[in-house]
């Protein structure tokens, strides 16, 4: 009877050791996934910031162009009204 209980306990220990090994693998996989997601997030943020700067520059150029055209139009209207 003692031998049977010992065998059951050894079997249970073996099962638990296997579960621990699986959990370690799962943990490593999850950590790798989190690291990959963090890298992708950082890359996306960097791209978004770069695009924001480009759009801001384009917007400023466009605003200057509109302002200059409006100024020219005002000058032409002044000349025509004189």
Protein backbone atom coordinates (compact mmCIF):
# COMPACT_ATOMS: atom_id res chain seq x y z
CA UNK A 1 0.00 0.00 0.00
CA UNK A 2 2.84 2.34 0.84
CA UNK A 3 4.46 1.57 -2.49
CA UNK A 4 1.25 2.39 -4.35
CA UNK A 5 0.93 5.76 -2.62
CA UNK A 6 4.59 6.49 -3.33
CA UNK A 7 4.07 5.68 -7.02
CA UNK A 8 1.03 7.97 -7.16
CA UNK A 9 2.98 10.76 -5.52
CA UNK A 10 5.90 10.27 -7.93
CA UNK A 11 3.47 10.33 -10.86
CA UNK A 12 1.86 13.51 -9.52
CA UNK A 13 5.30 15.10 -9.04
CA UNK A 14 6.18 14.19 -12.62
CA UNK A 15 2.93 15.71 -13.89
CA UNK A 16 3.52 18.89 -11.93
CA UNK A 17 7.10 19.16 -13.21
CA UNK A 18 5.77 18.83 -16.77
CA UNK A 19 3.21 21.55 -16.11
CA UNK A 20 5.93 23.82 -14.72
CA UNK A 21 8.02 23.21 -17.85
CA UNK A 22 5.02 24.03 -20.05
CA UNK A 23 4.31 27.18 -18.07
CA UNK A 24 7.91 28.30 -18.47
CA UNK A 25 7.65 27.85 -22.24
CA UNK A 26 4.31 29.66 -22.29
CA UNK A 27 5.78 32.50 -20.25
CA UNK A 28 8.71 32.86 -22.65
CA UNK A 29 6.35 32.89 -25.61
CA UNK A 30 4.15 35.52 -23.98
CA UNK A 31 7.15 37.67 -23.12
CA UNK A 32 8.36 37.45 -26.72
CA UNK A 33 4.89 38.43 -27.97
CA UNK A 34 4.72 41.39 -25.61
CA UNK A 35 8.20 42.51 -26.70
CA UNK A 36 7.22 42.23 -30.36
CA UNK A 37 4.02 44.19 -29.76
CA UNK A 38 5.97 46.89 -27.91
CA UNK A 39 8.46 47.16 -30.81
CA UNK A 40 5.64 47.38 -33.36
CA UNK A 41 3.88 49.99 -31.23
CA UNK A 42 7.08 52.05 -31.01
CA UNK A 43 7.58 51.79 -34.79
CA UNK A 44 3.98 52.87 -35.43
CA UNK A 45 4.36 55.80 -33.08
CA UNK A 46 7.61 56.81 -34.75
CA UNK A 47 6.00 56.62 -38.20
CA UNK A 48 3.00 58.63 -36.99
CA UNK A 49 5.28 61.31 -35.54
CA UNK A 50 7.26 61.49 -38.78
CA UNK A 51 4.05 61.76 -40.82
CA UNK A 52 2.77 64.44 -38.44
CA UNK A 53 5.92 66.52 -38.97
CA UNK A 54 5.67 66.13 -42.74
CA UNK A 55 1.99 67.10 -42.76
CA UNK A 56 2.71 70.08 -40.54
CA UNK A 57 5.40 71.30 -42.96
CA UNK A 58 3.12 70.76 -45.95
CA UNK A 59 0.32 72.60 -44.18
CA UNK A 60 2.61 75.54 -43.39
CA UNK A 61 3.76 75.71 -47.03
CA UNK A 62 0.17 75.59 -48.23
CA UNK A 63 -0.87 78.32 -45.79
CA UNK A 64 2.01 80.54 -46.98
CA UNK A 65 1.02 79.89 -50.59
CA UNK A 66 -2.62 80.82 -49.89
CA UNK A 67 -1.55 83.91 -47.97
CA UNK A 68 0.73 85.00 -50.85
CA UNK A 69 -2.02 84.41 -53.44
CA UNK A 70 -4.50 86.38 -51.35
CA UNK A 71 -1.96 89.20 -51.04
CA UNK A 72 -1.43 89.22 -54.81
CA UNK A 73 -5.18 89.18 -55.39
CA UNK A 74 -5.64 92.11 -53.00
CA UNK A 75 -2.91 94.04 -54.82
CA UNK A 76 -4.57 93.39 -58.18
CA UNK A 77 -7.95 94.44 -56.84
CA UNK A 78 -6.41 97.65 -55.46
CA UNK A 79 -4.83 98.41 -58.85
CA UNK A 80 -8.10 97.79 -60.66
CA UNK A 81 -10.08 99.99 -58.30
CA UNK A 82 -7.65 102.91 -58.68
